[in-house]
Amino acid sequence: MRKHIVAGNWKMNTTVPEGVALAKAVVEASKNLPEGVELVVAPPFTHLVPVAQALEGSKVQLSAQNCADKESGAYTGEVAADMLVSAGCGLTILGHSERRQYYGETDEKLVEKVRLALGAGLKVILCVGENLDQREAGQHFDVVKSQIENVLFNFTAEDMKNIIVAYEPVWAIGTGKTATAEQAEEIHACIRKVLAGKFGAQVADDTSILYGGSCKPSNAKELFAQSDIDGGLIGGAALKADSFIQIAQSF
């Protein structure tokens, strides 16, 4: 059985004290979660150690928002995968659409990032998704298929046990637009089919695929009711513990 996961990507928000307070509020609210739902929070790098301390003893897992494509060395401003592990992280998000769009992150670079993250013992939430132009041109299936093939086809079925896929309709992030549950489901089903073609049906069926496009308490239940949507990668709604937990309670 694949896992139901609700991950909160805080992006570049909150100061350290605000982040610690938010983490503590999430821990407190998480005591009312449905069985089998996993919670993840991904604060900025500056928050990782104190947030790890705030999460200690809880079931809430700590993720980073990114990691470097190098092990160590003269790469000013970068944070390596093993540094994240030493700070208390169990996961990292990679390939978020904002990293691709604003920082020129390529599939080739992501292969190295995924390799290093897995090698350090981190689980990976790999983001894929199409922008508005690609959606309107009817290229969304091809774009997502290509991103999966370019990155994940470099790894093994065994590696896939530690990889979660997050589908982001880029046109629905921070715009207030949301893919319909049907639109989201058909892409999630496509991703699972692509994974099955490479790794086999069992691996595809065991891989959690999260929806990452303006998921909020008002639409989470309908999205999570779809057979191939296993949770959410939450942005703005993750910055308040009550809305974040409401989304998790939608299962």
C-alpha atoms as a PDB file:
ATOM      1  CA  MET A   1       0.000   0.000   0.000  1.00  0.00           C
ATOM      2  CA  ARG A   2       1.407   3.371  -0.966  1.00  0.00           C
ATOM      3  CA  LYS A   3       1.515   6.118   1.624  1.00  0.00           C
ATOM      4  CA  HIS A   4      -0.778   9.125   1.960  1.00  0.00           C
ATOM      5  CA  ILE A   5       1.490  12.136   2.410  1.00  0.00           C
ATOM      6  CA  VAL A   6       0.750  15.805   3.028  1.00  0.00           C
ATOM      7  CA  ALA A   7       3.905  17.928   2.763  1.00  0.00           C
ATOM      8  CA  GLY A   8       4.061  21.632   3.561  1.00  0.00           C
ATOM      9  CA  ASN A   9       6.530  23.673   1.494  1.00  0.00           C
ATOM     10  CA  TRP A  10       7.043  26.908   3.424  1.00  0.00           C
ATOM     11  CA  LYS A  11       9.140  28.401   0.590  1.00  0.00           C
ATOM     12  CA  MET A  12      10.832  31.726   1.568  1.00  0.00           C
ATOM     13  CA  ASN A  13       8.460  32.515   4.419  1.00  0.00           C
ATOM     14  CA  THR A  14       8.688  32.931   8.217  1.00  0.00           C
ATOM     15  CA  THR A  15      11.546  33.980  10.454  1.00  0.00           C
ATOM     16  CA  VAL A  16      13.219  31.311  12.574  1.00  0.00           C
ATOM     17  CA  PRO A  17      11.061  32.015  15.672  1.00  0.00           C
ATOM     18  CA  GLU A  18       7.907  32.065  13.512  1.00  0.00           C
ATOM     19  CA  GLY A  19       8.927  28.783  11.886  1.00  0.00           C
ATOM     20  CA  VAL A  20       9.543  27.087  15.227  1.00  0.00           C
ATOM     21  CA  ALA A  21       6.138  28.292  16.468  1.00  0.00           C
ATOM     22  CA  LEU A  22       4.484  26.975  13.307  1.00  0.00           C
ATOM     23  CA  ALA A  23       6.224  23.614  13.653  1.00  0.00           C
ATOM     24  CA  LYS A  24       5.072  23.302  17.263  1.00  0.00           C
ATOM     25  CA  ALA A  25       1.506  24.183  16.241  1.00  0.00           C
ATOM     26  CA  VAL A  26       1.603  21.521  13.496  1.00  0.00           C
ATOM     27  CA  VAL A  27       2.833  18.918  15.987  1.00  0.00           C
ATOM     28  CA  GLU A  28       0.034  19.772  18.407  1.00  0.00           C
ATOM     29  CA  ALA A  29      -2.646  19.716  15.695  1.00  0.00           C
ATOM     30  CA  SER A  30      -1.291  16.508  14.147  1.00  0.00           C
ATOM     31  CA  LYS A  31      -2.531  14.457  17.105  1.00  0.00           C
ATOM     32  CA  ASN A  32      -5.964  14.379  15.405  1.00  0.00           C
ATOM     33  CA  LEU A  33      -4.789  12.942  12.091  1.00  0.00           C
ATOM     34  CA  PRO A  34      -6.454  10.028  10.300  1.00  0.00           C
ATOM     35  CA  GLU A  35      -4.519   6.762  10.534  1.00  0.00           C
ATOM     36  CA  GLY A  36      -1.995   6.245   7.764  1.00  0.00           C
ATOM     37  CA  VAL A  37      -1.481   9.911   6.817  1.00  0.00           C
ATOM     38  CA  GLU A  38       2.114  11.147   6.959  1.00  0.00           C
ATOM     39  CA  LEU A  39       2.934  14.811   7.567  1.00  0.00           C
ATOM     40  CA  VAL A  40       6.054  16.568   6.279  1.00  0.00           C
ATOM     41  CA  VAL A  41       7.179  20.177   6.740  1.00  0.00           C
ATOM     42  CA  ALA A  42       9.833  21.847   4.552  1.00  0.00           C
ATOM     43  CA  PRO A  43      11.066  25.105   6.114  1.00  0.00           C
ATOM     44  CA  PRO A  44      13.903  27.302   4.784  1.00  0.00           C
ATOM     45  CA  PHE A  45      17.490  26.120   5.366  1.00  0.00           C
ATOM     46  CA  THR A  46      17.976  28.605   8.226  1.00  0.00           C
ATOM     47  CA  HIS A  47      15.207  26.916  10.228  1.00  0.00           C
ATOM     48  CA  LEU A  48      16.168  23.261   9.875  1.00  0.00           C
ATOM     49  CA  VAL A  49      17.972  22.613  13.165  1.00  0.00           C
ATOM     50  CA  PRO A  50      15.529  24.417  15.494  1.00  0.00           C
ATOM     51  CA  VAL A  51      12.520  23.017  13.620  1.00  0.00           C
ATOM     52  CA  ALA A  52      14.025  19.512  13.878  1.00  0.00           C
ATOM     53  CA  GLN A  53      14.194  20.061  17.642  1.00  0.00           C
ATOM     54  CA  ALA A  54      10.571  21.265  17.705  1.00  0.00           C
ATOM     55  CA  LEU A  55       9.460  18.122  15.824  1.00  0.00           C
ATOM     56  CA  GLU A  56      11.395  15.717  18.056  1.00  0.00           C
ATOM     57  CA  GLY A  57       9.229  12.930  19.413  1.00  0.00           C
ATOM     58  CA  SER A  58       6.392  13.662  16.955  1.00  0.00           C
ATOM     59  CA  LYS A  59       5.360  11.891  13.770  1.00  0.00           C
ATOM     60  CA  VAL A  60       5.922  15.030  11.660  1.00  0.00           C
ATOM     61  CA  GLN A  61       8.881  14.593   9.293  1.00  0.00           C
ATOM     62  CA  LEU A  62      11.395  17.266   8.289  1.00  0.00           C
ATOM     63  CA  SER A  63      12.273  18.015   4.676  1.00  0.00           C
ATOM     64  CA  ALA A  64      14.552  20.525   2.998  1.00  0.00           C
ATOM     65  CA  GLN A  65      13.373  22.514  -0.018  1.00  0.00           C
ATOM     66  CA  ASN A  66      16.424  21.769  -2.168  1.00  0.00           C
ATOM     67  CA  CYS A  67      19.976  20.436  -2.073  1.00  0.00           C
ATOM     68  CA  ALA A  68      23.181  20.953  -4.021  1.00  0.00           C
ATOM     69  CA  ASP A  69      24.282  18.924  -7.030  1.00  0.00           C
ATOM     70  CA  LYS A  70      27.774  18.596  -5.520  1.00  0.00           C
ATOM     71  CA  GLU A  71      28.997  16.638  -2.481  1.00  0.00           C
ATOM     72  CA  SER A  72      31.152  19.411  -0.998  1.00  0.00           C
ATOM     73  CA  GLY A  73      33.701  22.051  -1.925  1.00  0.00           C
ATOM     74  CA  ALA A  74      33.956  25.652  -3.074  1.00  0.00           C
ATOM     75  CA  TYR A  75      30.271  26.210  -3.869  1.00  0.00           C
ATOM     76  CA  THR A  76      29.369  29.301  -1.883  1.00  0.00           C
ATOM     77  CA  GLY A  77      25.755  29.438  -0.775  1.00  0.00           C
ATOM     78  CA  GLU A  78      25.007  25.782  -1.553  1.00  0.00           C
ATOM     79  CA  VAL A  79      23.857  23.149   0.943  1.00  0.00           C
ATOM     80  CA  ALA A  80      24.902  19.520   0.453  1.00  0.00           C
ATOM     81  CA  ALA A  81      22.701  16.478   1.009  1.00  0.00           C
ATOM     82  CA  ASP A  82      24.730  15.142   3.931  1.00  0.00           C
ATOM     83  CA  MET A  83      24.509  18.552   5.609  1.00  0.00           C
ATOM     84  CA  LEU A  84      20.724  18.217   5.457  1.00  0.00           C
ATOM     85  CA  VAL A  85      20.884  14.796   7.078  1.00  0.00           C
ATOM     86  CA  SER A  86      23.108  16.171   9.851  1.00  0.00           C
ATOM     87  CA  ALA A  87      20.535  18.949  10.434  1.00  0.00           C
ATOM     88  CA  GLY A  88      17.787  16.376  10.980  1.00  0.00           C
ATOM     89  CA  CYS A  89      16.173  16.094   7.538  1.00  0.00           C
ATOM     90  CA  GLY A  90      14.734  12.835   6.274  1.00  0.00           C
ATOM     91  CA  LEU A  91      13.631  14.199   2.900  1.00  0.00           C
ATOM     92  CA  THR A  92      14.288  16.944   0.389  1.00  0.00           C
ATOM     93  CA  ILE A  93      12.120  18.508  -2.320  1.00  0.00           C
ATOM     94  CA  LEU A  94      13.884  18.631  -5.695  1.00  0.00           C
ATOM     95  CA  GLY A  95      12.963  20.162  -9.041  1.00  0.00           C
ATOM     96  CA  HIS A  96      10.238  22.472  -7.757  1.00  0.00           C
ATOM     97  CA  SER A  97       8.833  24.551 -10.605  1.00  0.00           C
ATOM     98  CA  GLU A  98      10.162  27.730  -8.974  1.00  0.00           C
ATOM     99  CA  ARG A  99      13.686  26.258  -8.981  1.00  0.00           C
ATOM    100  CA  ARG A 100      13.292  25.317 -12.639  1.00  0.00           C
ATOM    101  CA  GLN A 101      11.765  28.675 -13.630  1.00  0.00           C
ATOM    102  CA  TYR A 102      13.816  31.171 -11.613  1.00  0.00           C
ATOM    103  CA  TYR A 103      17.136  29.364 -11.211  1.00  0.00           C
ATOM    104  CA  GLY A 104      17.412  27.452 -14.468  1.00  0.00           C
ATOM    105  CA  GLU A 105      17.406  24.017 -12.875  1.00  0.00           C
ATOM    106  CA  THR A 106      17.579  21.369 -15.585  1.00  0.00           C
ATOM    107  CA  ASP A 107      16.657  17.691 -15.656  1.00  0.00           C
ATOM    108  CA  GLU A 108      20.372  16.902 -16.058  1.00  0.00           C
ATOM    109  CA  LYS A 109      21.228  18.761 -12.855  1.00  0.00           C
ATOM    110  CA  LEU A 110      18.327  17.069 -11.076  1.00  0.00           C
ATOM    111  CA  VAL A 111      19.723  13.634 -11.889  1.00  0.00           C
ATOM    112  CA  GLU A 112      22.827  14.554  -9.867  1.00  0.00           C
ATOM    113  CA  LYS A 113      20.778  16.064  -7.052  1.00  0.00           C
ATOM    114  CA  VAL A 114      18.570  12.981  -6.768  1.00  0.00           C
ATOM    115  CA  ARG A 115      21.635  10.717  -6.854  1.00  0.00           C
ATOM    116  CA  LEU A 116      23.377  12.611  -4.058  1.00  0.00           C
ATOM    117  CA  ALA A 117      20.221  12.933  -1.950  1.00  0.00           C
ATOM    118  CA  LEU A 118      19.500   9.197  -2.137  1.00  0.00           C
ATOM    119  CA  GLY A 119      23.160   8.417  -1.455  1.00  0.00           C
ATOM    120  CA  ALA A 120      23.042  10.513   1.708  1.00  0.00           C
ATOM    121  CA  GLY A 121      19.977   8.613   2.920  1.00  0.00           C
ATOM    122  CA  LEU A 122      17.335  11.210   2.095  1.00  0.00           C
ATOM    123  CA  LYS A 123      13.983  10.483   0.521  1.00  0.00           C
ATOM    124  CA  VAL A 124      13.225  12.693  -2.467  1.00  0.00           C
ATOM    125  CA  ILE A 125      10.040  14.529  -3.424  1.00  0.00           C
ATOM    126  CA  LEU A 126      10.618  15.113  -7.142  1.00  0.00           C
ATOM    127  CA  CYS A 127       8.416  17.781  -8.721  1.00  0.00           C
ATOM    128  CA  VAL A 128       7.202  17.651 -12.320  1.00  0.00           C
ATOM    129  CA  GLY A 129       4.617  19.688 -14.198  1.00  0.00           C
ATOM    130  CA  GLU A 130       3.699  21.881 -17.143  1.00  0.00           C
ATOM    131  CA  ASN A 131       3.325  25.652 -17.475  1.00  0.00           C
ATOM    132  CA  LEU A 132       0.308  27.475 -18.913  1.00  0.00           C
ATOM    133  CA  ASP A 133       1.642  27.660 -22.488  1.00  0.00           C
ATOM    134  CA  GLN A 134       2.348  23.937 -22.491  1.00  0.00           C
ATOM    135  CA  ARG A 135      -1.083  23.137 -21.048  1.00  0.00           C
ATOM    136  CA  GLU A 136      -2.881  25.321 -23.616  1.00  0.00           C
ATOM    137  CA  ALA A 137      -0.853  23.740 -26.435  1.00  0.00           C
ATOM    138  CA  GLY A 138      -1.970  20.289 -25.280  1.00  0.00           C
ATOM    139  CA  GLN A 139       1.607  19.301 -24.424  1.00  0.00           C
ATOM    140  CA  HIS A 140       1.047  18.590 -20.729  1.00  0.00           C
ATOM    141  CA  PHE A 141       1.262  14.790 -20.958  1.00  0.00           C
ATOM    142  CA  ASP A 142       4.417  14.944 -23.104  1.00  0.00           C
ATOM    143  CA  VAL A 143       6.111  17.491 -20.816  1.00  0.00           C
ATOM    144  CA  VAL A 144       5.485  15.487 -17.654  1.00  0.00           C
ATOM    145  CA  LYS A 145       6.435  12.192 -19.336  1.00  0.00           C
ATOM    146  CA  SER A 146       9.701  13.755 -20.526  1.00  0.00           C
ATOM    147  CA  GLN A 147      10.564  15.088 -17.058  1.00  0.00           C
ATOM    148  CA  ILE A 148       9.956  11.662 -15.511  1.00  0.00           C
ATOM    149  CA  GLU A 149      12.010   9.875 -18.184  1.00  0.00           C
ATOM    150  CA  ASN A 150      14.890  12.380 -18.111  1.00  0.00           C
ATOM    151  CA  VAL A 151      15.330  12.142 -14.346  1.00  0.00           C
ATOM    152  CA  LEU A 152      13.850   8.984 -12.844  1.00  0.00           C
ATOM    153  CA  PHE A 153      14.759   6.602 -15.664  1.00  0.00           C
ATOM    154  CA  ASN A 154      18.375   7.029 -14.483  1.00  0.00           C
ATOM    155  CA  PHE A 155      17.492   5.198 -11.272  1.00  0.00           C
ATOM    156  CA  THR A 156      16.492   1.685 -10.252  1.00  0.00           C
ATOM    157  CA  ALA A 157      13.326   0.081  -8.946  1.00  0.00           C
ATOM    158  CA  GLU A 158      15.085  -0.137  -5.571  1.00  0.00           C
ATOM    159  CA  ASP A 159      15.787   3.626  -5.657  1.00  0.00           C
ATOM    160  CA  MET A 160      12.100   4.278  -6.328  1.00  0.00           C
ATOM    161  CA  LYS A 161      11.268   3.062  -2.813  1.00  0.00           C
ATOM    162  CA  ASN A 162      12.698   6.379  -1.602  1.00  0.00           C
ATOM    163  CA  ILE A 163      11.228   8.651  -4.282  1.00  0.00           C
ATOM    164  CA  ILE A 164       7.897  10.460  -4.125  1.00  0.00           C
ATOM    165  CA  VAL A 165       6.592  12.311  -7.190  1.00  0.00           C
ATOM    166  CA  ALA A 166       4.755  15.622  -6.892  1.00  0.00           C
ATOM    167  CA  TYR A 167       2.742  16.855  -9.880  1.00  0.00           C
ATOM    168  CA  GLU A 168       2.580  20.641 -10.108  1.00  0.00           C
ATOM    169  CA  PRO A 169       0.376  22.288 -12.715  1.00  0.00           C
ATOM    170  CA  VAL A 170       2.638  25.348 -12.773  1.00  0.00           C
ATOM    171  CA  TRP A 171      -0.223  27.497 -14.025  1.00  0.00           C
ATOM    172  CA  ALA A 172      -2.111  26.771 -10.781  1.00  0.00           C
ATOM    173  CA  ILE A 173       0.621  27.702  -8.276  1.00  0.00           C
ATOM    174  CA  GLY A 174      -0.014  30.963  -6.477  1.00  0.00           C
ATOM    175  CA  THR A 175      -2.560  32.024  -9.109  1.00  0.00           C
ATOM    176  CA  GLY A 176      -5.699  30.908  -7.297  1.00  0.00           C
ATOM    177  CA  LYS A 177      -6.416  28.620 -10.259  1.00  0.00           C
ATOM    178  CA  THR A 178      -6.707  24.932  -9.519  1.00  0.00           C
ATOM    179  CA  ALA A 179      -6.733  21.984 -11.835  1.00  0.00           C
ATOM    180  CA  THR A 180     -10.044  20.169 -11.573  1.00  0.00           C
ATOM    181  CA  ALA A 181      -9.916  16.864  -9.749  1.00  0.00           C
ATOM    182  CA  GLU A 182     -10.366  15.167 -13.129  1.00  0.00           C
ATOM    183  CA  GLN A 183      -7.481  17.108 -14.721  1.00  0.00           C
ATOM    184  CA  ALA A 184      -5.233  16.283 -11.784  1.00  0.00           C
ATOM    185  CA  GLU A 185      -6.220  12.606 -11.788  1.00  0.00           C
ATOM    186  CA  GLU A 186      -5.523  12.103 -15.499  1.00  0.00           C
ATOM    187  CA  ILE A 187      -1.965  13.439 -15.121  1.00  0.00           C
ATOM    188  CA  HIS A 188      -1.366  11.385 -11.973  1.00  0.00           C
ATOM    189  CA  ALA A 189      -2.591   8.293 -13.826  1.00  0.00           C
ATOM    190  CA  CYS A 190      -0.272   9.173 -16.728  1.00  0.00           C
ATOM    191  CA  ILE A 191       2.705   9.436 -14.341  1.00  0.00           C
ATOM    192  CA  ARG A 192       1.882   6.056 -12.831  1.00  0.00           C
ATOM    193  CA  LYS A 193       1.638   4.528 -16.318  1.00  0.00           C
ATOM    194  CA  VAL A 194       5.037   5.951 -17.310  1.00  0.00           C
ATOM    195  CA  LEU A 195       6.584   4.561 -14.101  1.00  0.00           C
ATOM    196  CA  ALA A 196       4.966   1.160 -14.733  1.00  0.00           C
ATOM    197  CA  GLY A 197       6.430   1.056 -18.238  1.00  0.00           C
ATOM    198  CA  LYS A 198       9.947   1.455 -16.866  1.00  0.00           C
ATOM    199  CA  PHE A 199       9.889  -0.135 -13.397  1.00  0.00           C
ATOM    200  CA  GLY A 200       6.888  -2.467 -13.515  1.00  0.00           C
ATOM    201  CA  ALA A 201       3.358  -2.292 -12.146  1.00  0.00           C
ATOM    202  CA  GLN A 202       4.316  -3.013  -8.530  1.00  0.00           C
ATOM    203  CA  VAL A 203       6.771  -0.110  -8.267  1.00  0.00           C
ATOM    204  CA  ALA A 204       4.300   2.222  -9.966  1.00  0.00           C
ATOM    205  CA  ASP A 205       1.541   1.158  -7.611  1.00  0.00           C
ATOM    206  CA  ASP A 206       3.779   1.633  -4.559  1.00  0.00           C
ATOM    207  CA  THR A 207       4.955   5.151  -5.538  1.00  0.00           C
ATOM    208  CA  SER A 208       3.140   8.015  -3.827  1.00  0.00           C
ATOM    209  CA  ILE A 209       2.176  10.804  -6.247  1.00  0.00           C
ATOM    210  CA  LEU A 210       1.223  14.126  -4.647  1.00  0.00           C
ATOM    211  CA  TYR A 211      -0.782  16.996  -6.118  1.00  0.00           C
ATOM    212  CA  GLY A 212       0.956  20.366  -5.866  1.00  0.00           C
ATOM    213  CA  GLY A 213      -1.279  23.044  -7.347  1.00  0.00           C
ATOM    214  CA  SER A 214      -3.148  25.309  -4.906  1.00  0.00           C
ATOM    215  CA  CYS A 215      -4.439  22.486  -2.755  1.00  0.00           C
ATOM    216  CA  LYS A 216      -6.428  23.884   0.181  1.00  0.00           C
ATOM    217  CA  PRO A 217      -9.042  22.737   2.720  1.00  0.00           C
ATOM    218  CA  SER A 218     -11.889  23.573   0.333  1.00  0.00           C
ATOM    219  CA  ASN A 219     -10.722  21.273  -2.494  1.00  0.00           C
ATOM    220  CA  ALA A 220      -8.503  18.682  -0.784  1.00  0.00           C
ATOM    221  CA  LYS A 221     -11.257  16.136  -0.161  1.00  0.00           C
ATOM    222  CA  GLU A 222     -12.282  16.008  -3.829  1.00  0.00           C
ATOM    223  CA  LEU A 223      -8.657  15.782  -4.977  1.00  0.00           C
ATOM    224  CA  PHE A 224      -7.708  13.087  -2.472  1.00  0.00           C
ATOM    225  CA  ALA A 225     -10.743  11.012  -3.452  1.00  0.00           C
ATOM    226  CA  GLN A 226      -9.112  10.352  -6.851  1.00  0.00           C
ATOM    227  CA  SER A 227      -7.551   6.913  -7.129  1.00  0.00           C
ATOM    228  CA  ASP A 228      -4.081   8.098  -8.212  1.00  0.00           C
ATOM    229  CA  ILE A 229      -3.728  11.157  -5.961  1.00  0.00           C
ATOM    230  CA  ASP A 230      -1.937  10.131  -2.779  1.00  0.00           C
ATOM    231  CA  GLY A 231      -1.642  13.479  -1.032  1.00  0.00           C
ATOM    232  CA  GLY A 232      -0.500  17.031  -1.555  1.00  0.00           C
ATOM    233  CA  LEU A 233       2.546  19.277  -1.719  1.00  0.00           C
ATOM    234  CA  ILE A 234       1.059  22.319  -0.029  1.00  0.00           C
ATOM    235  CA  GLY A 235       2.278  25.918  -0.376  1.00  0.00           C
ATOM    236  CA  GLY A 236       0.380  28.859   1.123  1.00  0.00           C
ATOM    237  CA  ALA A 237      -2.067  26.731   3.101  1.00  0.00           C
ATOM    238  CA  ALA A 238       0.870  25.114   4.934  1.00  0.00           C
ATOM    239  CA  LEU A 239       1.803  28.407   6.609  1.00  0.00           C
ATOM    240  CA  LYS A 240      -1.071  28.046   9.062  1.00  0.00           C
ATOM    241  CA  ALA A 241      -1.247  24.907  11.160  1.00  0.00           C
ATOM    242  CA  ASP A 242      -5.052  24.730  11.143  1.00  0.00           C
ATOM    243  CA  SER A 243      -5.435  24.859   7.343  1.00  0.00           C
ATOM    244  CA  PHE A 244      -2.512  22.434   6.879  1.00  0.00           C
ATOM    245  CA  ILE A 245      -4.062  19.908   9.245  1.00  0.00           C
ATOM    246  CA  GLN A 246      -7.519  20.381   7.694  1.00  0.00           C
ATOM    247  CA  ILE A 247      -6.015  19.317   4.378  1.00  0.00           C
ATOM    248  CA  ALA A 248      -4.489  16.214   5.995  1.00  0.00           C
ATOM    249  CA  GLN A 249      -7.832  15.408   7.600  1.00  0.00           C
ATOM    250  CA  SER A 250      -9.447  15.366   4.152  1.00  0.00           C
ATOM    251  CA  PHE A 251      -8.411  11.718   3.662  1.00  0.00           C
END
